[in-house]
Amino acid sequence: MSDLVTIGIIALYGIMLIGIGGWASKKIHNTEDYILAGRSLGFWVFTILMVASVCSGMTLVGVSGFGYASGWPGIWEQIFVPLAASFAIIVFGAKLHAVSKKTGYMTVEDYLAHRYESPKTVRGLAAVSGIVVSLIYLVGQYTAISLVLVWLFNIPHTTALVISAVVITVYTVIGGMYAVSWTTLIQGIILIMGVIIMAPLVIISAGGMTHINEVLASIDPNMVQPFYPSPAYASYAFCTPEFLFSFGILLIVGLACAPHVVNNILAAKDTKFFKWSPLLAFSIYLVVMFLVKFTGFAVRVLVEEGKLVLPATVNTQDFAFMYGIEYAMPNMMIWAIFAVIVLAAVMSTTDRLMLTIGTLFSWDVYRNLLKPKAPDREVLLVSQVCVVIAAAVSLFLAINPPDMLAWLIWMGIGVMLATFAVPLLAALYWRRANGAGAIASMIAGLIGSGIFGYYHKFVAPLPVHFSLIALTLAAIAMIVFSLMTPKNSEEVLDATMTGPYIQPK
């Protein structure tokens, strides 16, 4: 469907992003500038960065595909995901930001190492786990970008992956957090305005919500219910009450504690941002998520009525939003603008993930474990090299995408939840938690998510998301090992603001 106008607009968009990276590179004088943008992010840049970090390829590609396949029972996702940004800011933000201002933490792993008095083991395990889960999540992002470019230019999947990686890697490597945050602000505005304008047109082209609901009910009466009955009777009918319970924990807590989300807290300029940014982030993303989900419903109706045909691929539902726009607005200029909107959605998380991987290795592994006396310039170079390596590894893993993009992204979030939620929450709110408990918790969560994730995917479906079981194992490990071993010093607990309160004392 591409023409010279489309190619030109997409090319200008890519050049603009690289240009922002070039501008941002002039602001980088040390590692703190590269990793945290000098802790200078203003209110709107910080808020949109939080929204975009939880946004990901799920927003347009995965969410619409999920709506296309499962109907209304999956609507809870539209509440859970926006809540993740608010949860991160409220539950993690105030304390972490206040402590980091005093201590100069560069990453959340710095906080965990200090809080658990384990500068090597806890830091190393947290960093390596963060790199692994971020790579899993990153594969989903590149898969989403490839879907867009394949649809747009009718090019091979591998070629699309390489093109996307080159553009994102260039501006992330040269501009760091400054580039990521400012490109994200622009991409966020493009995404929000584009969805608000375009999604209603697809819904109208399908006959409006009343007609859409009638057609969905004719496919399966449960498609217009708040959940599917237990046990699941079809592959699309997995949103049962027990699954939705685990789904809520997965998306709200799992996304909130993900390294590429929670580390944004440290880059905010002022703690006072945390008063209104949770509400604003939730409200903005809520509107976007609902409109995208309804678009998935609309495309399902268009397909059922024979007005639209999706590509015959294993992940056909992931093309729902793109083909819906193409049907509702058969104008090449609009398609080109829409393509930029979709790319903005999926690229806004991809660059943050790549920077997170580079940060975790260069600062937490290289600087604090392998070479403590490494000069700042060397650490910065290692971070940039790691961004390139992360892109290459994730591209290789994304060559053969799964049947449904949403499943891959949920898997990544699930591993994040099982690995990081308990150690981070316990560090902030339970004074009895200690290093032994944190280590046992992360190991139990990581191994448990691998075992139960494999079982769910390749052996037999579980009634809940596999991460809930792994999370339970992590919580048990934290409690048992913490109570069996000595607690951390009161001095450290006070310095890290550990206790059952949200606002710093």
Protein backbone atom coordinates (compact mmCIF):
# COMPACT_ATOMS: atom_id res chain seq x y z
CA MET A 1 0.00 0.00 0.00
CA SER A 2 3.04 2.26 0.04
CA ASP A 3 3.67 5.11 -2.43
CA LEU A 4 6.20 7.92 -2.62
CA VAL A 5 4.20 10.15 -0.28
CA THR A 6 4.00 7.42 2.35
CA ILE A 7 7.68 6.61 2.03
CA GLY A 8 8.53 10.30 2.25
CA ILE A 9 6.49 10.88 5.41
CA ILE A 10 7.92 7.81 7.15
CA ALA A 11 11.43 8.80 6.11
CA LEU A 12 10.95 12.32 7.48
CA TYR A 13 9.69 10.84 10.73
CA GLY A 14 12.78 8.65 11.05
CA ILE A 15 15.08 11.57 10.22
CA MET A 16 13.30 13.71 12.85
CA LEU A 17 13.90 11.06 15.53
CA ILE A 18 17.58 10.77 14.63
CA GLY A 19 17.79 14.58 14.63
CA ILE A 20 16.42 14.68 18.16
CA GLY A 21 19.06 12.14 19.11
CA GLY A 22 21.73 14.42 17.67
CA TRP A 23 20.38 17.41 19.59
CA ALA A 24 20.19 15.36 22.78
CA SER A 25 23.77 14.14 22.41
CA LYS A 26 25.00 17.71 23.00
CA LYS A 27 23.42 17.63 26.47
CA ILE A 28 25.30 14.50 27.54
CA HIS A 29 28.40 15.22 29.60
CA ASN A 30 28.42 12.21 31.92
CA THR A 31 26.72 8.89 32.67
CA GLU A 32 23.99 10.53 34.74
CA ASP A 33 23.01 12.67 31.76
CA TYR A 34 22.89 9.60 29.51
CA ILE A 35 20.96 7.36 31.91
CA LEU A 36 18.67 9.86 33.69
CA ALA A 37 18.73 12.99 31.50
CA GLY A 38 20.44 14.79 34.37
CA ARG A 39 17.34 14.20 36.55
CA SER A 40 15.77 17.12 34.69
CA LEU A 41 12.51 15.79 33.21
CA GLY A 42 9.68 18.29 33.53
CA PHE A 43 6.08 17.45 34.39
CA TRP A 44 4.72 16.76 30.91
CA VAL A 45 7.81 14.97 29.62
CA PHE A 46 7.85 12.75 32.73
CA THR A 47 4.09 12.03 32.62
CA ILE A 48 4.06 11.13 28.92
CA LEU A 49 7.21 9.05 29.40
CA MET A 50 5.41 7.02 32.09
CA VAL A 51 2.41 6.54 29.81
CA ALA A 52 4.56 5.57 26.84
CA SER A 53 6.66 3.16 28.89
CA VAL A 54 3.58 1.08 29.74
CA CYS A 55 2.11 1.71 26.30
CA SER A 56 4.23 -0.55 24.08
CA GLY A 57 3.24 -2.43 20.94
CA MET A 58 0.22 -3.68 22.87
CA THR A 59 -1.62 -0.38 22.55
CA LEU A 60 -2.46 -0.38 18.87
CA VAL A 61 -1.37 -3.80 17.64
CA GLY A 62 -1.92 -6.10 20.62
CA VAL A 63 -4.93 -4.43 22.25
CA SER A 64 -6.93 -4.23 19.03
CA GLY A 65 -5.96 -7.82 18.23
CA PHE A 66 -7.06 -8.93 21.68
CA GLY A 67 -10.39 -7.13 21.23
CA TYR A 68 -10.82 -8.70 17.80
CA ALA A 69 -10.30 -12.20 19.19
CA SER A 70 -12.06 -12.10 22.58
CA GLY A 71 -14.60 -9.27 22.62
CA TRP A 72 -15.84 -7.55 25.78
CA PRO A 73 -14.46 -9.99 28.39
CA GLY A 74 -11.00 -8.58 27.67
CA ILE A 75 -12.14 -5.00 28.36
CA TRP A 76 -10.62 -5.13 31.86
CA GLU A 77 -7.23 -4.71 30.23
CA GLN A 78 -8.28 -1.13 29.44
CA ILE A 79 -8.42 -0.35 33.16
CA PHE A 80 -5.52 -2.48 34.36
CA VAL A 81 -2.83 -1.09 32.05
CA PRO A 82 -3.48 2.64 32.71
CA LEU A 83 -3.48 1.84 36.42
CA ALA A 84 0.06 0.49 36.08
CA ALA A 85 1.49 3.96 35.42
CA SER A 86 -0.41 5.38 38.39
CA PHE A 87 0.64 2.49 40.63
CA ALA A 88 4.31 2.99 39.76
CA ILE A 89 4.19 6.72 40.50
CA ILE A 90 2.20 6.45 43.73
CA VAL A 91 3.48 3.24 45.32
CA PHE A 92 7.11 3.39 44.14
CA GLY A 93 7.63 6.97 43.06
CA ALA A 94 7.51 9.21 46.10
CA LYS A 95 9.89 7.15 48.23
CA LEU A 96 12.35 6.18 45.48
CA HIS A 97 12.60 9.73 44.19
CA ALA A 98 13.12 11.20 47.66
CA VAL A 99 15.84 8.69 48.55
CA SER A 100 17.58 9.01 45.19
CA LYS A 101 17.81 12.77 45.59
CA LYS A 102 19.87 12.24 48.73
CA THR A 103 21.91 9.22 47.66
CA GLY A 104 22.35 9.79 43.92
CA TYR A 105 20.94 6.40 42.86
CA MET A 106 21.30 5.85 39.13
CA THR A 107 19.03 2.80 39.00
CA VAL A 108 16.48 1.04 41.19
CA GLU A 109 19.09 -1.70 41.55
CA ASP A 110 21.16 0.87 43.45
CA TYR A 111 18.30 1.17 45.90
CA LEU A 112 17.89 -2.60 46.26
CA ALA A 113 21.63 -3.09 46.82
CA HIS A 114 21.61 -0.42 49.53
CA ARG A 115 18.34 -1.47 51.17
CA TYR A 116 19.25 -5.16 51.33
CA GLU A 117 22.92 -4.43 52.20
CA SER A 118 23.98 -6.64 49.31
CA PRO A 119 26.08 -4.58 46.89
CA LYS A 120 27.00 -7.58 44.77
CA THR A 121 24.53 -10.49 45.00
CA VAL A 122 21.21 -8.62 45.07
CA ARG A 123 22.45 -6.02 42.59
CA GLY A 124 23.84 -8.63 40.22
CA LEU A 125 20.79 -10.86 40.36
CA ALA A 126 18.42 -7.92 39.91
CA ALA A 127 20.43 -6.53 37.00
CA VAL A 128 20.80 -9.84 35.15
CA SER A 129 17.12 -10.65 35.70
CA GLY A 130 16.20 -7.18 34.46
CA ILE A 131 18.25 -7.65 31.30
CA VAL A 132 16.63 -11.05 30.60
CA VAL A 133 13.03 -9.91 31.09
CA SER A 134 13.63 -6.66 29.20
CA LEU A 135 14.95 -8.67 26.23
CA ILE A 136 11.81 -10.84 26.27
CA TYR A 137 9.64 -7.74 26.33
CA LEU A 138 11.77 -6.07 23.66
CA VAL A 139 11.16 -8.96 21.26
CA GLY A 140 7.43 -8.17 21.44
CA GLN A 141 8.08 -4.52 20.61
CA TYR A 142 10.17 -5.29 17.53
CA THR A 143 7.56 -7.79 16.39
CA ALA A 144 4.93 -5.05 16.60
CA ILE A 145 7.05 -2.59 14.63
CA SER A 146 7.69 -5.25 11.98
CA LEU A 147 3.95 -5.88 11.61
CA VAL A 148 3.46 -2.20 10.81
CA LEU A 149 6.29 -1.99 8.29
CA VAL A 150 5.31 -5.25 6.57
CA TRP A 151 1.76 -3.94 6.18
CA LEU A 152 2.93 -0.54 5.04
CA PHE A 153 5.65 -1.41 2.54
CA ASN A 154 4.96 -5.09 1.79
CA ILE A 155 8.54 -5.98 2.67
CA PRO A 156 9.86 -9.17 4.32
CA HIS A 157 9.56 -9.46 8.09
CA THR A 158 13.34 -9.61 8.56
CA THR A 159 13.91 -6.48 6.48
CA ALA A 160 11.31 -4.64 8.53
CA LEU A 161 13.06 -5.68 11.74
CA VAL A 162 16.42 -4.39 10.53
CA ILE A 163 15.03 -1.03 9.39
CA SER A 164 13.27 -0.40 12.69
CA ALA A 165 16.31 -1.44 14.71
CA VAL A 166 18.67 0.87 12.85
CA VAL A 167 16.52 3.98 13.37
CA ILE A 168 15.77 3.34 17.05
CA THR A 169 19.30 2.25 17.88
CA VAL A 170 20.89 5.33 16.31
CA TYR A 171 18.94 7.95 18.25
CA THR A 172 19.01 5.94 21.49
CA VAL A 173 22.77 5.37 21.34
CA ILE A 174 23.69 8.97 20.62
CA GLY A 175 21.03 10.70 22.74
CA GLY A 176 20.38 8.44 25.73
CA MET A 177 17.58 9.36 28.11
CA TYR A 178 17.34 12.89 26.73
CA ALA A 179 16.58 11.50 23.28
CA VAL A 180 14.27 8.78 24.62
CA SER A 181 12.23 11.19 26.76
CA TRP A 182 11.83 13.90 24.13
CA THR A 183 11.09 11.54 21.24
CA THR A 184 8.61 9.84 23.57
CA LEU A 185 6.87 13.15 24.25
CA ILE A 186 6.44 13.72 20.52
CA GLN A 187 5.43 10.10 19.88
CA GLY A 188 2.97 10.23 22.78
CA ILE A 189 1.24 13.32 21.43
CA ILE A 190 1.06 11.76 17.96
CA LEU A 191 -0.40 8.55 19.40
CA ILE A 192 -3.02 10.23 21.58
CA MET A 193 -4.27 12.64 18.90
CA GLY A 194 -4.18 9.98 16.19
CA VAL A 195 -6.23 7.43 18.13
CA ILE A 196 -8.80 10.03 19.22
CA ILE A 197 -9.30 11.13 15.61
CA MET A 198 -9.07 7.82 13.74
CA ALA A 199 -10.54 5.13 16.01
CA PRO A 200 -14.10 6.59 16.00
CA LEU A 201 -14.09 6.54 12.19
CA VAL A 202 -13.44 2.78 12.15
CA ILE A 203 -16.18 2.23 14.74
CA ILE A 204 -18.64 4.27 12.67
CA SER A 205 -17.70 2.40 9.48
CA ALA A 206 -18.68 -0.85 11.23
CA GLY A 207 -22.15 0.49 12.05
CA GLY A 208 -21.62 1.93 15.54
CA MET A 209 -21.40 0.24 18.91
CA THR A 210 -24.99 -1.07 18.98
CA HIS A 211 -24.54 -2.94 15.71
CA ILE A 212 -21.07 -4.08 16.74
CA ASN A 213 -22.43 -5.62 19.93
CA GLU A 214 -25.21 -7.38 18.02
CA VAL A 215 -22.74 -9.01 15.65
CA LEU A 216 -20.37 -10.01 18.46
CA ALA A 217 -23.29 -11.60 20.32
CA SER A 218 -24.20 -13.57 17.19
CA ILE A 219 -20.66 -15.01 17.08
CA ASP A 220 -20.75 -15.98 20.75
CA PRO A 221 -23.21 -14.55 23.31
CA ASN A 222 -20.40 -14.47 25.87
CA MET A 223 -18.46 -12.01 23.71
CA VAL A 224 -20.65 -9.21 25.06
CA GLN A 225 -20.40 -10.30 28.69
CA PRO A 226 -17.90 -8.99 31.29
CA PHE A 227 -16.15 -12.38 31.40
CA TYR A 228 -16.28 -15.89 29.97
CA PRO A 229 -17.59 -18.74 32.13
CA SER A 230 -15.21 -21.25 33.71
CA PRO A 231 -13.66 -23.44 32.54
CA ALA A 232 -12.51 -21.92 29.25
CA TYR A 233 -14.31 -23.71 26.39
CA ALA A 234 -12.36 -22.17 23.47
CA SER A 235 -8.94 -20.68 22.83
CA TYR A 236 -10.39 -17.16 22.74
CA ALA A 237 -12.52 -17.65 25.89
CA PHE A 238 -9.72 -17.51 28.46
CA CYS A 239 -10.91 -14.33 30.24
CA THR A 240 -12.66 -16.20 33.04
CA PRO A 241 -13.09 -14.61 36.52
CA GLU A 242 -10.05 -16.39 37.94
CA PHE A 243 -7.89 -15.46 34.95
CA LEU A 244 -9.00 -11.83 35.12
CA PHE A 245 -7.99 -11.72 38.79
CA SER A 246 -4.47 -12.81 37.89
CA PHE A 247 -4.57 -10.59 34.80
CA GLY A 248 -5.20 -7.51 36.94
CA ILE A 249 -2.22 -8.24 39.17
CA LEU A 250 -0.09 -9.02 36.12
CA LEU A 251 -0.76 -5.75 34.32
CA ILE A 252 -1.07 -3.32 37.24
CA VAL A 253 1.80 -4.51 39.41
CA GLY A 254 3.90 -6.30 36.79
CA LEU A 255 4.15 -3.32 34.47
CA ALA A 256 4.63 -0.88 37.35
CA CYS A 257 7.72 -2.68 38.67
CA ALA A 258 9.23 -3.36 35.23
CA PRO A 259 12.77 -1.90 35.07
CA HIS A 260 12.01 0.30 32.05
CA VAL A 261 9.03 1.83 33.87
CA VAL A 262 10.07 2.22 37.50
CA ASN A 263 13.50 3.64 36.65
CA ASN A 264 11.77 6.64 35.04
CA ILE A 265 10.95 7.79 38.57
CA LEU A 266 14.59 8.69 39.18
CA ALA A 267 14.70 11.03 36.16
CA ALA A 268 11.85 13.32 37.31
CA LYS A 269 12.92 16.83 38.24
CA ASP A 270 10.62 17.31 41.23
CA THR A 271 8.67 15.08 43.65
CA LYS A 272 5.71 17.45 43.47
CA PHE A 273 4.99 16.02 39.99
CA PHE A 274 3.75 12.87 41.71
CA LYS A 275 0.64 14.67 42.99
CA TRP A 276 -1.13 15.01 39.64
CA SER A 277 0.81 12.86 37.19
CA PRO A 278 -0.82 9.57 38.36
CA LEU A 279 -4.33 10.88 37.62
CA LEU A 280 -3.30 12.49 34.36
CA ALA A 281 -1.40 9.42 33.13
CA PHE A 282 -4.33 7.16 33.98
CA SER A 283 -6.94 9.40 32.31
CA ILE A 284 -5.00 9.90 29.09
CA TYR A 285 -4.18 6.26 28.60
CA LEU A 286 -7.67 5.09 29.61
CA VAL A 287 -9.24 6.97 26.71
CA VAL A 288 -6.66 5.66 24.24
CA MET A 289 -7.00 2.06 25.41
CA PHE A 290 -10.80 1.98 25.21
CA LEU A 291 -10.86 3.46 21.72
CA VAL A 292 -8.28 0.97 20.45
CA LYS A 293 -10.18 -1.97 21.99
CA PHE A 294 -13.45 -0.81 20.40
CA THR A 295 -11.62 -0.60 17.07
CA GLY A 296 -10.72 -4.28 17.44
CA PHE A 297 -14.42 -5.05 17.99
CA ALA A 298 -15.32 -3.04 14.88
CA VAL A 299 -12.81 -4.82 12.64
CA ARG A 300 -14.15 -8.20 13.81
CA VAL A 301 -17.60 -7.11 12.65
CA LEU A 302 -16.27 -5.91 9.28
CA VAL A 303 -14.56 -9.28 8.77
CA GLU A 304 -17.64 -11.28 9.81
CA GLU A 305 -19.77 -9.31 7.36
CA GLY A 306 -17.31 -9.87 4.53
CA LYS A 307 -16.41 -6.20 4.14
CA LEU A 308 -12.79 -6.67 5.13
CA VAL A 309 -10.27 -9.49 4.84
CA LEU A 310 -7.25 -9.74 7.14
CA PRO A 311 -4.04 -11.46 5.99
CA ALA A 312 -4.02 -15.24 6.36
CA THR A 313 -1.27 -15.46 8.98
CA VAL A 314 -1.00 -17.14 12.38
CA ASN A 315 -1.25 -13.71 14.02
CA THR A 316 -4.00 -12.34 11.78
CA GLN A 317 -5.79 -10.50 14.63
CA ASP A 318 -2.73 -8.30 15.22
CA PHE A 319 -3.39 -6.58 11.87
CA ALA A 320 -6.89 -5.48 12.98
CA PHE A 321 -6.20 -1.81 13.74
CA MET A 322 -4.12 -1.22 10.63
CA TYR A 323 -6.58 -2.81 8.22
CA GLY A 324 -9.48 -1.11 9.97
CA ILE A 325 -7.98 2.32 9.34
CA GLU A 326 -7.22 1.38 5.75
CA TYR A 327 -10.87 0.38 5.26
CA ALA A 328 -12.39 3.41 6.99
CA MET A 329 -10.12 5.98 5.36
CA PRO A 330 -9.05 4.87 1.86
CA ASN A 331 -6.68 7.79 1.33
CA MET A 332 -2.96 7.34 0.86
CA MET A 333 -2.01 10.51 2.73
CA ILE A 334 -4.09 9.44 5.75
CA TRP A 335 -2.53 5.97 5.66
CA ALA A 336 0.94 7.51 5.78
CA ILE A 337 0.01 9.70 8.75
CA PHE A 338 -1.60 6.72 10.45
CA ALA A 339 1.53 4.65 9.90
CA VAL A 340 3.48 7.27 11.82
CA ILE A 341 0.92 7.01 14.64
CA VAL A 342 1.32 3.24 14.87
CA LEU A 343 5.10 3.47 14.73
CA ALA A 344 5.01 6.12 17.46
CA ALA A 345 3.08 3.74 19.72
CA VAL A 346 5.43 0.81 19.37
CA MET A 347 8.69 2.77 19.22
CA SER A 348 7.96 4.76 22.39
CA THR A 349 8.57 1.70 24.57
CA THR A 350 11.22 0.04 22.42
CA ASP A 351 13.80 2.79 22.85
CA ARG A 352 13.23 2.90 26.63
CA LEU A 353 13.75 -0.86 26.90
CA MET A 354 16.99 -0.70 24.94
CA LEU A 355 18.30 2.09 27.14
CA THR A 356 17.29 0.12 30.24
CA ILE A 357 19.27 -2.92 29.11
CA GLY A 358 22.32 -0.75 28.41
CA THR A 359 21.99 0.91 31.81
CA LEU A 360 21.58 -2.31 33.77
CA PHE A 361 24.71 -3.82 32.28
CA SER A 362 26.96 -0.74 32.14
CA TRP A 363 26.12 0.66 35.57
CA ASP A 364 24.99 -2.27 37.70
CA VAL A 365 27.11 -5.06 36.22
CA TYR A 366 30.15 -3.41 34.66
CA ARG A 367 30.64 -0.36 36.90
CA ASN A 368 29.57 -1.86 40.23
CA LEU A 369 30.58 -5.51 39.85
CA LEU A 370 33.20 -6.06 37.16
CA LYS A 371 35.21 -2.83 37.16
CA PRO A 372 34.37 -0.53 40.10
CA LYS A 373 37.09 1.97 39.15
CA ALA A 374 35.96 2.32 35.54
CA PRO A 375 35.98 6.00 34.49
CA ASP A 376 32.68 7.67 33.66
CA ARG A 377 33.49 7.89 29.95
CA GLU A 378 34.12 4.15 29.79
CA VAL A 379 30.83 3.33 31.51
CA LEU A 380 29.01 5.57 29.04
CA LEU A 381 30.65 3.78 26.10
CA VAL A 382 29.75 0.35 27.52
CA SER A 383 26.13 1.48 27.85
CA GLN A 384 26.02 2.58 24.23
CA VAL A 385 27.56 -0.69 23.04
CA CYS A 386 25.02 -2.67 25.09
CA VAL A 387 22.15 -0.80 23.41
CA VAL A 388 23.45 -2.00 20.04
CA ILE A 389 23.86 -5.57 21.29
CA ALA A 390 20.35 -5.54 22.81
CA ALA A 391 18.93 -4.52 19.44
CA ALA A 392 20.81 -7.30 17.64
CA VAL A 393 19.80 -10.03 20.11
CA SER A 394 16.13 -9.02 20.20
CA LEU A 395 16.01 -8.87 16.40
CA PHE A 396 17.29 -12.42 16.19
CA LEU A 397 14.69 -13.61 18.70
CA ALA A 398 11.89 -11.73 16.90
CA ILE A 399 12.40 -13.48 13.56
CA ASN A 400 9.77 -16.11 14.42
CA PRO A 401 6.98 -14.27 16.32
CA PRO A 402 4.26 -16.15 18.29
CA ASP A 403 0.68 -16.63 17.12
CA MET A 404 -0.55 -13.64 19.13
CA LEU A 405 1.62 -10.63 19.96
CA ALA A 406 -0.29 -10.03 23.19
CA TRP A 407 0.82 -13.42 24.52
CA LEU A 408 4.52 -12.60 24.06
CA ILE A 409 4.17 -9.22 25.77
CA TRP A 410 2.13 -10.71 28.64
CA MET A 411 4.87 -13.32 29.07
CA GLY A 412 7.48 -10.60 29.44
CA ILE A 413 5.33 -8.69 31.94
CA GLY A 414 4.70 -11.94 33.85
CA VAL A 415 8.40 -12.59 34.32
CA MET A 416 8.86 -8.99 35.48
CA LEU A 417 6.04 -9.39 38.01
CA ALA A 418 7.34 -12.66 39.44
CA THR A 419 10.94 -11.44 39.64
CA PHE A 420 10.73 -7.82 40.82
CA ALA A 421 7.39 -7.12 42.52
CA VAL A 422 8.05 -8.85 45.84
CA PRO A 423 11.65 -7.64 46.39
CA LEU A 424 10.76 -4.05 45.50
CA LEU A 425 7.52 -3.86 47.49
CA ALA A 426 9.12 -5.57 50.49
CA ALA A 427 12.14 -3.24 50.31
CA LEU A 428 9.90 -0.19 50.48
CA TYR A 429 7.23 -1.34 52.91
CA TRP A 430 8.38 -4.29 55.10
CA ARG A 431 11.21 -3.60 57.55
CA ARG A 432 11.75 -7.32 58.25
CA ALA A 433 12.67 -8.08 54.63
CA ASN A 434 16.37 -8.70 54.14
CA GLY A 435 18.95 -9.68 51.53
CA ALA A 436 18.46 -13.43 51.93
CA GLY A 437 14.74 -13.02 51.37
CA ALA A 438 15.29 -10.81 48.33
CA ILE A 439 17.70 -13.26 46.71
CA ALA A 440 15.42 -16.24 47.38
CA SER A 441 12.41 -14.29 46.11
CA MET A 442 14.00 -13.27 42.81
CA ILE A 443 15.31 -16.79 42.16
CA ALA A 444 11.95 -18.39 43.01
CA GLY A 445 10.06 -15.89 40.84
CA LEU A 446 12.36 -16.23 37.85
CA ILE A 447 12.51 -20.03 37.93
CA GLY A 448 8.81 -20.34 38.78
CA SER A 449 7.76 -18.14 35.87
CA GLY A 450 9.90 -20.21 33.53
CA ILE A 451 8.46 -23.53 34.71
CA PHE A 452 4.80 -22.51 34.87
CA GLY A 453 5.01 -20.37 31.74
CA TYR A 454 6.33 -23.38 29.82
CA TYR A 455 3.67 -25.64 31.35
CA HIS A 456 0.87 -23.24 30.42
CA LYS A 457 2.05 -22.76 26.86
CA PHE A 458 3.21 -26.26 25.91
CA VAL A 459 1.63 -28.75 28.33
CA ALA A 460 -1.81 -27.65 29.54
CA PRO A 461 -3.50 -24.25 30.00
CA LEU A 462 -3.63 -22.99 33.58
CA PRO A 463 -6.83 -21.37 34.95
CA VAL A 464 -4.83 -18.25 35.87
CA HIS A 465 -1.90 -16.45 34.32
CA PHE A 466 1.27 -18.39 35.13
CA SER A 467 2.84 -15.33 36.78
CA LEU A 468 0.39 -15.47 39.71
CA ILE A 469 1.77 -18.86 40.76
CA ALA A 470 5.36 -17.68 40.36
CA LEU A 471 4.53 -14.50 42.31
CA THR A 472 3.12 -16.58 45.15
CA LEU A 473 6.31 -18.64 45.27
CA ALA A 474 8.36 -15.44 45.34
CA ALA A 475 6.31 -14.05 48.24
CA ILE A 476 6.65 -17.27 50.23
CA ALA A 477 10.40 -17.33 49.63
CA MET A 478 10.73 -13.71 50.76
CA ILE A 479 8.81 -14.30 54.00
CA VAL A 480 10.45 -17.61 54.93
CA PHE A 481 14.06 -16.62 54.23
CA SER A 482 13.69 -13.16 55.75
CA LEU A 483 12.28 -14.54 58.99
CA MET A 484 14.97 -17.22 59.17
CA THR A 485 17.86 -14.74 58.89
CA PRO A 486 18.83 -11.48 60.65
CA LYS A 487 17.09 -8.25 59.60
CA ASN A 488 18.90 -5.29 58.08
CA SER A 489 20.26 -2.52 60.27
CA GLU A 490 17.87 0.15 61.52
CA GLU A 491 20.15 2.81 60.07
CA VAL A 492 19.77 1.41 56.56
CA LEU A 493 16.02 0.91 56.97
CA ASP A 494 15.63 4.56 57.97
CA ALA A 495 17.91 5.80 55.18
CA THR A 496 15.94 3.85 52.55
CA MET A 497 12.57 4.98 53.99
CA THR A 498 11.35 1.46 54.60
CA GLY A 499 7.99 1.21 56.36
CA PRO A 500 4.21 1.02 55.88
CA TYR A 501 3.78 4.53 54.44
CA ILE A 502 3.72 6.03 50.94
CA GLN A 503 4.72 9.64 51.41
CA PRO A 504 8.31 10.20 52.62
CA LYS A 505 8.51 11.26 56.29
